[in-house]
Structures are given as structure tokens and as C-alpha cells.
């Protein structure tokens, strides 16, 4: 009897959590869409009213800016790239399949002895 009650309460909890997060998701989307519609309405009103759109008449800077990097920063970048490569390799391992293969090898070794 206790299992049924726990199952019922677990179902109620799961449904409540699902409903809550769905409501929050819908509310956030509603806020985003409302903001985009207000912004679009402002742009439309500016076009309809033919308000002057301010233009940036400042000349562009034609200078080329260069930055120099020292040896230490270059070494840091290479080190970070190697770390990222190692982490990506670790994430690419199928640990479940590796565990199954290891388990089979251990069992076959034990059965041979």
C-alpha cells in the first residue's frame, strides 16, 4: 500500500514540476515576443511618421591597430588548446561500452583460471 502512495505522490510531484517549468517557459517566451512586438511597433511608427533616422556621419578610422603578443601568452594559448583537445577526447570516449568490454575481459580471465 505504501508503494502506491509513494508512486502517486511521485507522479503528483513530477506533474507539478513539469507544469511549473512549462509555465515559466511560456511566460519567458511571452515576454520576449511582447518586447519584440513593441520594438517592431516603434520602428513602424517611425516609418509611418517619417521621422528622420539619425545617421552617423563620423568618418571611419582608417588606421590599422596591431597588437604584439609575447612568448608567454603564445605558450598559454598552446597549452589551453592542448587541454581543450584532451578534454574533448575524454568526452568522446564511450564509457559504457568501455566498461562492458572491460567487464567481459575480466570475466573471461577469471573463468580461464
PDB file of N, CA and C in Angstrom:
ATOM      1  N   UNK A   1       0.825  -1.190   0.000  1.00  0.00           N
ATOM      2  CA  UNK A   1       0.000   0.000   0.000  1.00  0.00           C
ATOM      3  C   UNK A   1       0.867   1.251   0.000  1.00  0.00           C
ATOM      4  N   UNK A   2       1.987   1.188   0.736  1.00  0.00           N
ATOM      5  CA  UNK A   2       2.870   2.345   0.804  1.00  0.00           C
ATOM      6  C   UNK A   2       3.494   2.661  -0.547  1.00  0.00           C
ATOM      7  N   UNK A   3       3.743   1.620  -1.359  1.00  0.00           N
ATOM      8  CA  UNK A   3       4.313   1.834  -2.684  1.00  0.00           C
ATOM      9  C   UNK A   3       3.370   2.604  -3.584  1.00  0.00           C
ATOM     10  N   UNK A   4       2.083   2.328  -3.455  1.00  0.00           N
ATOM     11  CA  UNK A   4       1.095   3.035  -4.275  1.00  0.00           C
ATOM     12  C   UNK A   4       1.038   4.505  -3.887  1.00  0.00           C
ATOM     13  N   UNK A   5       1.080   4.757  -2.602  1.00  0.00           N
ATOM     14  CA  UNK A   5       1.031   6.144  -2.132  1.00  0.00           C
ATOM     15  C   UNK A   5       2.273   6.896  -2.590  1.00  0.00           C
ATOM     16  N   UNK A   6       3.440   6.253  -2.445  1.00  0.00           N
ATOM     17  CA  UNK A   6       4.672   6.892  -2.906  1.00  0.00           C
ATOM     18  C   UNK A   6       4.647   7.113  -4.413  1.00  0.00           C
ATOM     19  N   UNK A   7       4.128   6.149  -5.139  1.00  0.00           N
ATOM     20  CA  UNK A   7       4.017   6.302  -6.584  1.00  0.00           C
ATOM     21  C   UNK A   7       3.089   7.440  -6.958  1.00  0.00           C
ATOM     22  N   UNK A   8       1.964   7.532  -6.261  1.00  0.00           N
ATOM     23  CA  UNK A   8       1.020   8.615  -6.526  1.00  0.00           C
ATOM     24  C   UNK A   8       1.654   9.968  -6.221  1.00  0.00           C
ATOM     25  N   UNK A   9       2.295  10.068  -5.059  1.00  0.00           N
ATOM     26  CA  UNK A   9       2.923  11.332  -4.685  1.00  0.00           C
ATOM     27  C   UNK A   9       4.067  11.687  -5.635  1.00  0.00           C
ATOM     28  N   UNK A  10       4.804  10.688  -6.090  1.00  0.00           N
ATOM     29  CA  UNK A  10       5.869  10.934  -7.063  1.00  0.00           C
ATOM     30  C   UNK A  10       5.295  11.442  -8.377  1.00  0.00           C
ATOM     31  N   UNK A  11       4.175  10.859  -8.801  1.00  0.00           N
ATOM     32  CA  UNK A  11       3.518  11.319 -10.020  1.00  0.00           C
ATOM     33  C   UNK A  11       3.010  12.738  -9.882  1.00  0.00           C
ATOM     34  N   UNK A  12       2.445  13.062  -8.720  1.00  0.00           N
ATOM     35  CA  UNK A  12       1.964  14.420  -8.479  1.00  0.00           C
ATOM     36  C   UNK A  12       3.132  15.396  -8.512  1.00  0.00           C
ATOM     37  N   UNK A  13       4.242  15.032  -7.878  1.00  0.00           N
ATOM     38  CA  UNK A  13       5.422  15.896  -7.872  1.00  0.00           C
ATOM     39  C   UNK A  13       5.965  16.099  -9.280  1.00  0.00           C
ATOM     40  N   UNK A  14       6.085  15.013 -10.036  1.00  0.00           N
ATOM     41  CA  UNK A  14       6.601  15.110 -11.397  1.00  0.00           C
ATOM     42  C   UNK A  14       5.696  15.977 -12.263  1.00  0.00           C
ATOM     43  N   UNK A  15       4.394  15.790 -12.146  1.00  0.00           N
ATOM     44  CA  UNK A  15       3.457  16.584 -12.935  1.00  0.00           C
ATOM     45  C   UNK A  15       3.510  18.049 -12.534  1.00  0.00           C
ATOM     46  N   UNK A  16       3.630  18.310 -11.235  1.00  0.00           N
ATOM     47  CA  UNK A  16       3.705  19.692 -10.764  1.00  0.00           C
ATOM     48  C   UNK A  16       4.959  20.389 -11.273  1.00  0.00           C
ATOM     49  N   UNK A  17       6.081  19.709 -11.204  1.00  0.00           N
ATOM     50  CA  UNK A  17       7.342  20.289 -11.675  1.00  0.00           C
ATOM     51  C   UNK A  17       7.268  20.551 -13.168  1.00  0.00           C
ATOM     52  N   UNK A  18       6.744  19.592 -13.928  1.00  0.00           N
ATOM     53  CA  UNK A  18       6.612  19.751 -15.369  1.00  0.00           C
ATOM     54  C   UNK A  18       5.705  20.932 -15.704  1.00  0.00           C
ATOM     55  N   UNK A  19       4.599  21.053 -14.985  1.00  0.00           N
ATOM     56  CA  UNK A  19       3.667  22.150 -15.216  1.00  0.00           C
ATOM     57  C   UNK A  19       4.310  23.487 -14.873  1.00  0.00           C
ATOM     58  N   UNK A  20       5.024  23.546 -13.754  1.00  0.00           N
ATOM     59  CA  UNK A  20       5.672  24.792 -13.335  1.00  0.00           C
ATOM     60  C   UNK A  20       6.686  25.264 -14.367  1.00  0.00           C
ATOM     61  N   UNK A  21       7.583  24.353 -14.807  1.00  0.00           N
ATOM     62  CA  UNK A  21       8.614  24.747 -15.753  1.00  0.00           C
ATOM     63  C   UNK A  21       8.028  25.081 -17.122  1.00  0.00           C
ATOM     64  N   UNK A  22       6.971  24.392 -17.512  1.00  0.00           N
ATOM     65  CA  UNK A  22       6.313  24.722 -18.773  1.00  0.00           C
ATOM     66  C   UNK A  22       5.706  26.120 -18.691  1.00  0.00           C
ATOM     67  N   UNK A  23       5.087  26.444 -17.560  1.00  0.00           N
ATOM     68  CA  UNK A  23       4.503  27.770 -17.374  1.00  0.00           C
ATOM     69  C   UNK A  23       5.583  28.844 -17.410  1.00  0.00           C
ATOM     70  N   UNK A  24       6.705  28.611 -16.754  1.00  0.00           N
ATOM     71  CA  UNK A  24       7.809  29.571 -16.770  1.00  0.00           C
ATOM     72  C   UNK A  24       8.351  29.757 -18.188  1.00  0.00           C
ATOM     73  N   UNK A  25       8.465  28.666 -18.924  1.00  0.00           N
ATOM     74  CA  UNK A  25       8.970  28.740 -20.298  1.00  0.00           C
ATOM     75  C   UNK A  25       8.021  29.557 -21.166  1.00  0.00           C
ATOM     76  N   UNK A  26       6.739  29.316 -21.039  1.00  0.00           N
ATOM     77  CA  UNK A  26       5.749  30.059 -21.813  1.00  0.00           C
ATOM     78  C   UNK A  26       5.777  31.533 -21.419  1.00  0.00           C
ATOM     79  N   UNK A  27       5.924  31.818 -20.132  1.00  0.00           N
ATOM     80  CA  UNK A  27       5.950  33.204 -19.662  1.00  0.00           C
ATOM     81  C   UNK A  27       7.171  33.943 -20.214  1.00  0.00           C
ATOM     82  N   UNK A  28       8.336  33.301 -20.204  1.00  0.00           N
ATOM     83  CA  UNK A  28       9.545  33.931 -20.748  1.00  0.00           C
ATOM     84  C   UNK A  28       9.403  34.181 -22.239  1.00  0.00           C
ATOM     85  N   UNK A  29       8.833  33.210 -22.964  1.00  0.00           N
ATOM     86  CA  UNK A  29       8.617  33.411 -24.399  1.00  0.00           C
ATOM     87  C   UNK A  29       7.634  34.547 -24.643  1.00  0.00           C
ATOM     88  N   UNK A  30       6.604  34.644 -23.813  1.00  0.00           N
ATOM     89  CA  UNK A  30       5.617  35.704 -23.961  1.00  0.00           C
ATOM     90  C   UNK A  30       6.268  37.074 -23.750  1.00  0.00           C
ATOM     91  N   UNK A  31       7.132  37.175 -22.747  1.00  0.00           N
ATOM     92  CA  UNK A  31       7.829  38.439 -22.503  1.00  0.00           C
ATOM     93  C   UNK A  31       8.728  38.802 -23.684  1.00  0.00           C
ATOM     94  N   UNK A  32       9.453  37.832 -24.214  1.00  0.00           N
ATOM     95  CA  UNK A  32      10.346  38.087 -25.335  1.00  0.00           C
ATOM     96  C   UNK A  32       9.556  38.539 -26.562  1.00  0.00           C
ATOM     97  N   UNK A  33       8.468  37.840 -26.858  1.00  0.00           N
ATOM     98  CA  UNK A  33       7.655  38.185 -28.025  1.00  0.00           C
ATOM     99  C   UNK A  33       7.028  39.558 -27.843  1.00  0.00           C
ATOM    100  N   UNK A  34       6.566  39.867 -26.641  1.00  0.00           N
ATOM    101  CA  UNK A  34       5.986  41.190 -26.390  1.00  0.00           C
ATOM    102  C   UNK A  34       7.019  42.287 -26.603  1.00  0.00           C
ATOM    103  N   UNK A  35       8.225  42.064 -26.131  1.00  0.00           N
ATOM    104  CA  UNK A  35       9.293  43.046 -26.308  1.00  0.00           C
ATOM    105  C   UNK A  35       9.603  43.236 -27.792  1.00  0.00           C
ATOM    106  N   UNK A  36       9.670  42.157 -28.542  1.00  0.00           N
ATOM    107  CA  UNK A  36       9.949  42.268 -29.974  1.00  0.00           C
ATOM    108  C   UNK A  36       8.818  42.975 -30.709  1.00  0.00           C
ATOM    109  N   UNK A  37       7.568  42.702 -30.308  1.00  0.00           N
ATOM    110  CA  UNK A  37       6.440  43.378 -30.947  1.00  0.00           C
ATOM    111  C   UNK A  37       6.429  44.872 -30.639  1.00  0.00           C
ATOM    112  N   UNK A  38       6.757  45.244 -29.393  1.00  0.00           N
ATOM    113  CA  UNK A  38       6.824  46.672 -29.050  1.00  0.00           C
ATOM    114  C   UNK A  38       7.910  47.366 -29.865  1.00  0.00           C
ATOM    115  N   UNK A  39       9.056  46.727 -29.990  1.00  0.00           N
ATOM    116  CA  UNK A  39      10.154  47.303 -30.763  1.00  0.00           C
ATOM    117  C   UNK A  39       9.767  47.427 -32.233  1.00  0.00           C
ATOM    118  N   UNK A  40       9.133  46.421 -32.768  1.00  0.00           N
ATOM    119  CA  UNK A  40       8.674  46.475 -34.149  1.00  0.00           C
ATOM    120  C   UNK A  40       7.637  47.570 -34.340  1.00  0.00           C
ATOM    121  N   UNK A  41       6.754  47.739 -33.369  1.00  0.00           N
ATOM    122  CA  UNK A  41       5.734  48.783 -33.440  1.00  0.00           C
ATOM    123  C   UNK A  41       6.380  50.170 -33.430  1.00  0.00           C
ATOM    124  N   UNK A  42       7.413  50.353 -32.611  1.00  0.00           N
ATOM    125  CA  UNK A  42       8.122  51.636 -32.586  1.00  0.00           C
ATOM    126  C   UNK A  42       8.760  51.935 -33.943  1.00  0.00           C
ATOM    127  N   UNK A  43       9.378  50.923 -34.529  1.00  0.00           N
ATOM    128  CA  UNK A  43      10.012  51.120 -35.837  1.00  0.00           C
ATOM    129  C   UNK A  43       8.959  51.454 -36.879  1.00  0.00           C
ATOM    130  N   UNK A  44       7.837  50.751 -36.839  1.00  0.00           N
ATOM    131  CA  UNK A  44       6.756  51.020 -37.783  1.00  0.00           C
ATOM    132  C   UNK A  44       6.227  52.438 -37.609  1.00  0.00           C
ATOM    133  N   UNK A  45       6.060  52.883 -36.392  1.00  0.00           N
ATOM    134  CA  UNK A  45       5.576  54.244 -36.141  1.00  0.00           C
ATOM    135  C   UNK A  45       6.568  55.285 -36.647  1.00  0.00           C
ATOM    136  N   UNK A  46       7.849  55.014 -36.503  1.00  0.00           N
ATOM    137  CA  UNK A  46       8.856  55.953 -37.003  1.00  0.00           C
ATOM    138  C   UNK A  46       8.810  56.035 -38.517  1.00  0.00           C
ATOM    139  N   UNK A  47       8.565  54.891 -39.168  1.00  0.00           N
ATOM    140  CA  UNK A  47       8.486  54.893 -40.631  1.00  0.00           C
ATOM    141  C   UNK A  47       7.220  55.616 -41.086  1.00  0.00           C
ATOM    142  N   UNK A  48       6.108  55.334 -40.402  1.00  0.00           N
ATOM    143  CA  UNK A  48       4.840  55.969 -40.777  1.00  0.00           C
ATOM    144  C   UNK A  48       4.907  57.469 -40.551  1.00  0.00           C
ATOM    145  N   UNK A  49       5.488  57.884 -39.443  1.00  0.00           N
ATOM    146  CA  UNK A  49       5.585  59.313 -39.138  1.00  0.00           C
ATOM    147  C   UNK A  49       6.721  59.996 -39.884  1.00  0.00           C
ATOM    148  N   UNK A  50       7.503  59.225 -40.611  1.00  0.00           N
ATOM    149  CA  UNK A  50       8.629  59.716 -41.396  1.00  0.00           C
ATOM    150  C   UNK A  50       9.604  60.525 -40.541  1.00  0.00           C
ATOM    151  N   UNK A  51       9.854  60.024 -39.369  1.00  0.00           N
ATOM    152  CA  UNK A  51      10.838  60.681 -38.512  1.00  0.00           C
ATOM    153  C   UNK A  51      12.220  60.449 -39.106  1.00  0.00           C
ATOM    154  N   UNK A  52      13.026  61.424 -38.958  1.00  0.00           N
ATOM    155  CA  UNK A  52      14.380  61.318 -39.503  1.00  0.00           C
ATOM    156  C   UNK A  52      15.177  60.299 -38.710  1.00  0.00           C
ATOM    157  N   UNK A  53      15.764  59.406 -39.430  1.00  0.00           N
ATOM    158  CA  UNK A  53      16.609  58.402 -38.794  1.00  0.00           C
ATOM    159  C   UNK A  53      18.001  59.003 -38.676  1.00  0.00           C
ATOM    160  N   UNK A  54      18.520  59.103 -37.463  1.00  0.00           N
ATOM    161  CA  UNK A  54      19.841  59.731 -37.307  1.00  0.00           C
ATOM    162  C   UNK A  54      20.916  58.904 -38.001  1.00  0.00           C
ATOM    163  N   UNK A  55      21.738  59.589 -38.760  1.00  0.00           N
ATOM    164  CA  UNK A  55      22.821  58.918 -39.463  1.00  0.00           C
ATOM    165  C   UNK A  55      24.137  59.288 -38.809  1.00  0.00           C
ATOM    166  N   UNK A  56      24.964  58.313 -38.746  1.00  0.00           N
ATOM    167  CA  UNK A  56      26.276  58.526 -38.153  1.00  0.00           C
ATOM    168  C   UNK A  56      27.219  59.026 -39.242  1.00  0.00           C
ATOM    169  N   UNK A  57      27.555  60.295 -39.187  1.00  0.00           N
ATOM    170  CA  UNK A  57      28.393  60.900 -40.216  1.00  0.00           C
ATOM    171  C   UNK A  57      29.855  60.992 -39.814  1.00  0.00           C
ATOM    172  N   UNK A  58      30.215  60.342 -38.745  1.00  0.00           N
ATOM    173  CA  UNK A  58      31.611  60.401 -38.333  1.00  0.00           C
ATOM    174  C   UNK A  58      32.445  59.529 -39.263  1.00  0.00           C
ATOM    175  N   UNK A  59      33.587  59.996 -39.682  1.00  0.00           N
ATOM    176  CA  UNK A  59      34.418  59.196 -40.590  1.00  0.00           C
ATOM    177  C   UNK A  59      34.989  57.982 -39.852  1.00  0.00           C
ATOM    178  N   UNK A  60      35.158  56.950 -40.614  1.00  0.00           N
ATOM    179  CA  UNK A  60      35.731  55.734 -40.036  1.00  0.00           C
ATOM    180  C   UNK A  60      37.228  55.906 -39.842  1.00  0.00           C
ATOM    181  N   UNK A  61      37.716  55.259 -38.812  1.00  0.00           N
ATOM    182  CA  UNK A  61      39.144  55.313 -38.525  1.00  0.00           C
ATOM    183  C   UNK A  61      39.854  54.368 -39.488  1.00  0.00           C
ATOM    184  N   UNK A  62      40.762  54.900 -40.285  1.00  0.00           N
ATOM    185  CA  UNK A  62      41.438  54.084 -41.293  1.00  0.00           C
ATOM    186  C   UNK A  62      42.758  53.516 -40.784  1.00  0.00           C
ATOM    187  N   UNK A  63      43.088  53.773 -39.553  1.00  0.00           N
ATOM    188  CA  UNK A  63      44.339  53.254 -39.015  1.00  0.00           C
ATOM    189  C   UNK A  63      44.190  51.768 -38.715  1.00  0.00           C
ATOM    190  N   UNK A  64      45.253  51.067 -38.867  1.00  0.00           N
ATOM    191  CA  UNK A  64      45.271  49.646 -38.550  1.00  0.00           C
ATOM    192  C   UNK A  64      45.971  49.487 -37.211  1.00  0.00           C
ATOM    193  N   UNK A  65      45.262  48.899 -36.287  1.00  0.00           N
ATOM    194  CA  UNK A  65      45.836  48.690 -34.965  1.00  0.00           C
ATOM    195  C   UNK A  65      46.364  47.268 -34.877  1.00  0.00           C
ATOM    196  N   UNK A  66      47.576  47.140 -34.438  1.00  0.00           N
ATOM    197  CA  UNK A  66      48.167  45.820 -34.260  1.00  0.00           C
ATOM    198  C   UNK A  66      48.511  45.641 -32.792  1.00  0.00           C
ATOM    199  N   UNK A  67      48.433  44.440 -32.385  1.00  0.00           N
ATOM    200  CA  UNK A  67      48.837  44.124 -31.011  1.00  0.00           C
ATOM    201  C   UNK A  67      49.956  43.102 -31.072  1.00  0.00           C
ATOM    202  N   UNK A  68      50.894  43.268 -30.229  1.00  0.00           N
ATOM    203  CA  UNK A  68      52.021  42.341 -30.152  1.00  0.00           C
ATOM    204  C   UNK A  68      51.787  41.389 -29.000  1.00  0.00           C
ATOM    205  N   UNK A  69      52.089  40.147 -29.269  1.00  0.00           N
ATOM    206  CA  UNK A  69      51.940  39.134 -28.227  1.00  0.00           C
ATOM    207  C   UNK A  69      53.331  38.666 -27.821  1.00  0.00           C
ATOM    208  N   UNK A  70      53.466  38.433 -26.548  1.00  0.00           N
ATOM    209  CA  UNK A  70      54.769  37.954 -26.112  1.00  0.00           C
ATOM    210  C   UNK A  70      54.774  36.418 -26.093  1.00  0.00           C
ATOM    211  N   UNK A  71      55.924  35.856 -25.842  1.00  0.00           N
ATOM    212  CA  UNK A  71      56.112  34.404 -25.881  1.00  0.00           C
ATOM    213  C   UNK A  71      55.271  33.705 -24.826  1.00  0.00           C
ATOM    214  N   UNK A  72      55.136  34.316 -23.659  1.00  0.00           N
ATOM    215  CA  UNK A  72      54.379  33.712 -22.565  1.00  0.00           C
ATOM    216  C   UNK A  72      52.903  33.531 -22.947  1.00  0.00           C
ATOM    217  N   UNK A  73      52.294  34.545 -23.571  1.00  0.00           N
ATOM    218  CA  UNK A  73      50.893  34.438 -23.964  1.00  0.00           C
ATOM    219  C   UNK A  73      50.693  33.390 -25.053  1.00  0.00           C
ATOM    220  N   UNK A  74      51.649  33.289 -25.958  1.00  0.00           N
ATOM    221  CA  UNK A  74      51.574  32.277 -27.001  1.00  0.00           C
ATOM    222  C   UNK A  74      51.642  30.882 -26.393  1.00  0.00           C
ATOM    223  N   UNK A  75      52.522  30.691 -25.421  1.00  0.00           N
ATOM    224  CA  UNK A  75      52.621  29.398 -24.741  1.00  0.00           C
ATOM    225  C   UNK A  75      51.328  29.064 -24.000  1.00  0.00           C
ATOM    226  N   UNK A  76      50.725  30.071 -23.382  1.00  0.00           N
ATOM    227  CA  UNK A  76      49.453  29.845 -22.692  1.00  0.00           C
ATOM    228  C   UNK A  76      48.381  29.387 -23.668  1.00  0.00           C
ATOM    229  N   UNK A  77      48.326  30.014 -24.836  1.00  0.00           N
ATOM    230  CA  UNK A  77      47.334  29.631 -25.834  1.00  0.00           C
ATOM    231  C   UNK A  77      47.536  28.208 -26.318  1.00  0.00           C
ATOM    232  N   UNK A  78      48.785  27.842 -26.556  1.00  0.00           N
ATOM    233  CA  UNK A  78      49.079  26.471 -26.988  1.00  0.00           C
ATOM    234  C   UNK A  78      48.698  25.491 -25.897  1.00  0.00           C
ATOM    235  N   UNK A  79      49.023  25.799 -24.652  1.00  0.00           N
ATOM    236  CA  UNK A  79      48.669  24.933 -23.526  1.00  0.00           C
ATOM    237  C   UNK A  79      47.152  24.784 -23.428  1.00  0.00           C
ATOM    238  N   UNK A  80      46.422  25.896 -23.531  1.00  0.00           N
ATOM    239  CA  UNK A  80      44.966  25.833 -23.442  1.00  0.00           C
ATOM    240  C   UNK A  80      44.371  24.996 -24.570  1.00  0.00           C
ATOM    241  N   UNK A  81      44.940  25.115 -25.761  1.00  0.00           N
ATOM    242  CA  UNK A  81      44.447  24.324 -26.883  1.00  0.00           C
ATOM    243  C   UNK A  81      44.673  22.837 -26.641  1.00  0.00           C
ATOM    244  N   UNK A  82      45.821  22.483 -26.067  1.00  0.00           N
ATOM    245  CA  UNK A  82      46.095  21.078 -25.757  1.00  0.00           C
ATOM    246  C   UNK A  82      45.141  20.556 -24.684  1.00  0.00           C
ATOM    247  N   UNK A  83      44.863  21.372 -23.682  1.00  0.00           N
ATOM    248  CA  UNK A  83      43.930  20.964 -22.623  1.00  0.00           C
ATOM    249  C   UNK A  83      42.539  20.746 -23.202  1.00  0.00           C
ATOM    250  N   UNK A  84      42.109  21.669 -24.051  1.00  0.00           N
ATOM    251  CA  UNK A  84      40.782  21.538 -24.665  1.00  0.00           C
ATOM    252  C   UNK A  84      40.717  20.286 -25.530  1.00  0.00           C
ATOM    253  N   UNK A  85      41.774  19.999 -26.264  1.00  0.00           N
ATOM    254  CA  UNK A  85      41.814  18.795 -27.087  1.00  0.00           C
ATOM    255  C   UNK A  85      41.729  17.542 -26.211  1.00  0.00           C
ATOM    256  N   UNK A  86      42.448  17.533 -25.086  1.00  0.00           N
ATOM    257  CA  UNK A  86      42.413  16.378 -24.191  1.00  0.00           C
ATOM    258  C   UNK A  86      41.033  16.199 -23.576  1.00  0.00           C
ATOM    259  N   UNK A  87      40.408  17.280 -23.162  1.00  0.00           N
ATOM    260  CA  UNK A  87      39.072  17.190 -22.569  1.00  0.00           C
ATOM    261  C   UNK A  87      38.066  16.700 -23.599  1.00  0.00           C
ATOM    262  N   UNK A  88      38.153  17.199 -24.822  1.00  0.00           N
ATOM    263  CA  UNK A  88      37.247  16.731 -25.874  1.00  0.00           C
ATOM    264  C   UNK A  88      37.453  15.253 -26.161  1.00  0.00           C
ATOM    265  N   UNK A  89      38.713  14.786 -26.106  1.00  0.00           N
ATOM    266  CA  UNK A  89      38.978  13.367 -26.310  1.00  0.00           C
ATOM    267  C   UNK A  89      38.354  12.542 -25.189  1.00  0.00           C
ATOM    268  N   UNK A  90      38.478  13.015 -23.954  1.00  0.00           N
ATOM    269  CA  UNK A  90      37.890  12.290 -22.826  1.00  0.00           C
ATOM    270  C   UNK A  90      36.373  12.240 -22.953  1.00  0.00           C
ATOM    271  N   UNK A  91      35.767  13.348 -23.374  1.00  0.00           N
ATOM    272  CA  UNK A  91      34.317  13.368 -23.562  1.00  0.00           C
ATOM    273  C   UNK A  91      33.872  12.458 -24.700  1.00  0.00           C
ATOM    274  N   UNK A  92      34.754  12.199 -25.667  1.00  0.00           N
ATOM    275  CA  UNK A  92      34.367  11.378 -26.809  1.00  0.00           C
ATOM    276  C   UNK A  92      34.395   9.883 -26.493  1.00  0.00           C
ATOM    277  N   UNK A  93      34.957   9.495 -25.367  1.00  0.00           N
ATOM    278  CA  UNK A  93      35.041   8.081 -25.006  1.00  0.00           C
ATOM    279  C   UNK A  93      33.656   7.591 -24.611  1.00  0.00           C
ATOM    280  N   UNK A  94      33.288   6.412 -25.129  1.00  0.00           N
ATOM    281  CA  UNK A  94      32.030   5.776 -24.743  1.00  0.00           C
ATOM    282  C   UNK A  94      32.309   4.938 -23.490  1.00  0.00           C
ATOM    283  N   UNK A  95      32.090   5.546 -22.336  1.00  0.00           N
ATOM    284  CA  UNK A  95      32.456   4.911 -21.075  1.00  0.00           C
ATOM    285  C   UNK A  95      31.635   3.660 -20.808  1.00  0.00           C
ATOM    286  N   UNK A  96      30.382   3.656 -21.245  1.00  0.00           N
ATOM    287  CA  UNK A  96      29.531   2.485 -21.020  1.00  0.00           C
ATOM    288  C   UNK A  96      30.074   1.282 -21.792  1.00  0.00           C
ATOM    289  N   UNK A  97      30.398   1.512 -23.076  1.00  0.00           N
ATOM    290  CA  UNK A  97      30.936   0.433 -23.901  1.00  0.00           C
ATOM    291  C   UNK A  97      32.298  -0.017 -23.371  1.00  0.00           C
ATOM    292  N   UNK A  98      33.109   0.922 -22.932  1.00  0.00           N
ATOM    293  CA  UNK A  98      34.410   0.598 -22.361  1.00  0.00           C
ATOM    294  C   UNK A  98      34.255  -0.264 -21.110  1.00  0.00           C
ATOM    295  N   UNK A  99      33.277   0.091 -20.265  1.00  0.00           N
ATOM    296  CA  UNK A  99      33.020  -0.697 -19.064  1.00  0.00           C
ATOM    297  C   UNK A  99      32.548  -2.102 -19.389  1.00  0.00           C
ATOM    298  N   UNK A 100      31.680  -2.230 -20.400  1.00  0.00           N
ATOM    299  CA  UNK A 100      31.217  -3.558 -20.799  1.00  0.00           C
ATOM    300  C   UNK A 100      32.361  -4.413 -21.321  1.00  0.00           C
ATOM    301  N   UNK A 101      33.213  -3.839 -22.156  1.00  0.00           N
ATOM    302  CA  UNK A 101      34.355  -4.589 -22.683  1.00  0.00           C
ATOM    303  C   UNK A 101      35.312  -4.994 -21.574  1.00  0.00           C
ATOM    304  N   UNK A 102      35.565  -4.090 -20.640  1.00  0.00           N
ATOM    305  CA  UNK A 102      36.449  -4.405 -19.518  1.00  0.00           C
ATOM    306  C   UNK A 102      35.853  -5.510 -18.654  1.00  0.00           C
ATOM    307  N   UNK A 103      34.560  -5.449 -18.422  1.00  0.00           N
ATOM    308  CA  UNK A 103      33.866  -6.466 -17.625  1.00  0.00           C
ATOM    309  C   UNK A 103      33.950  -7.831 -18.310  1.00  0.00           C
ATOM    310  N   UNK A 104      33.765  -7.866 -19.629  1.00  0.00           N
ATOM    311  CA  UNK A 104      33.860  -9.127 -20.364  1.00  0.00           C
ATOM    312  C   UNK A 104      35.263  -9.707 -20.273  1.00  0.00           C
ATOM    313  N   UNK A 105      36.277  -8.851 -20.404  1.00  0.00           N
ATOM    314  CA  UNK A 105      37.665  -9.339 -20.347  1.00  0.00           C
ATOM    315  C   UNK A 105      38.007  -9.865 -18.959  1.00  0.00           C
ATOM    316  N   UNK A 106      37.535  -9.162 -17.919  1.00  0.00           N
ATOM    317  CA  UNK A 106      37.816  -9.615 -16.557  1.00  0.00           C
ATOM    318  C   UNK A 106      37.116 -10.948 -16.298  1.00  0.00           C
ATOM    319  N   UNK A 107      35.858 -11.066 -16.732  1.00  0.00           N
ATOM    320  CA  UNK A 107      35.134 -12.315 -16.530  1.00  0.00           C
ATOM    321  C   UNK A 107      35.763 -13.466 -17.303  1.00  0.00           C
ATOM    322  N   UNK A 108      36.209 -13.208 -18.536  1.00  0.00           N
ATOM    323  CA  UNK A 108      36.853 -14.275 -19.310  1.00  0.00           C
ATOM    324  C   UNK A 108      38.174 -14.671 -18.666  1.00  0.00           C
ATOM    325  N   UNK A 109      38.906 -13.723 -18.103  1.00  0.00           N
ATOM    326  CA  UNK A 109      40.168 -14.030 -17.420  1.00  0.00           C
ATOM    327  C   UNK A 109      39.921 -14.862 -16.161  1.00  0.00           C
ATOM    328  N   UNK A 110      38.870 -14.482 -15.419  1.00  0.00           N
ATOM    329  CA  UNK A 110      38.536 -15.216 -14.183  1.00  0.00           C
ATOM    330  C   UNK A 110      38.081 -16.625 -14.516  1.00  0.00           C
ATOM    331  N   UNK A 111      37.289 -16.784 -15.559  1.00  0.00           N
ATOM    332  CA  UNK A 111      36.774 -18.111 -15.935  1.00  0.00           C
ATOM    333  C   UNK A 111      37.862 -19.029 -16.454  1.00  0.00           C
ATOM    334  N   UNK A 112      38.932 -18.484 -17.030  1.00  0.00           N
ATOM    335  CA  UNK A 112      40.032 -19.301 -17.520  1.00  0.00           C
ATOM    336  C   UNK A 112      40.824 -19.907 -16.380  1.00  0.00           C
ATOM    337  N   UNK A 113      40.908 -19.205 -15.250  1.00  0.00           N
ATOM    338  CA  UNK A 113      41.712 -19.693 -14.116  1.00  0.00           C
ATOM    339  C   UNK A 113      40.959 -20.625 -13.269  1.00  0.00           C
TER     340      UNK A 113
END
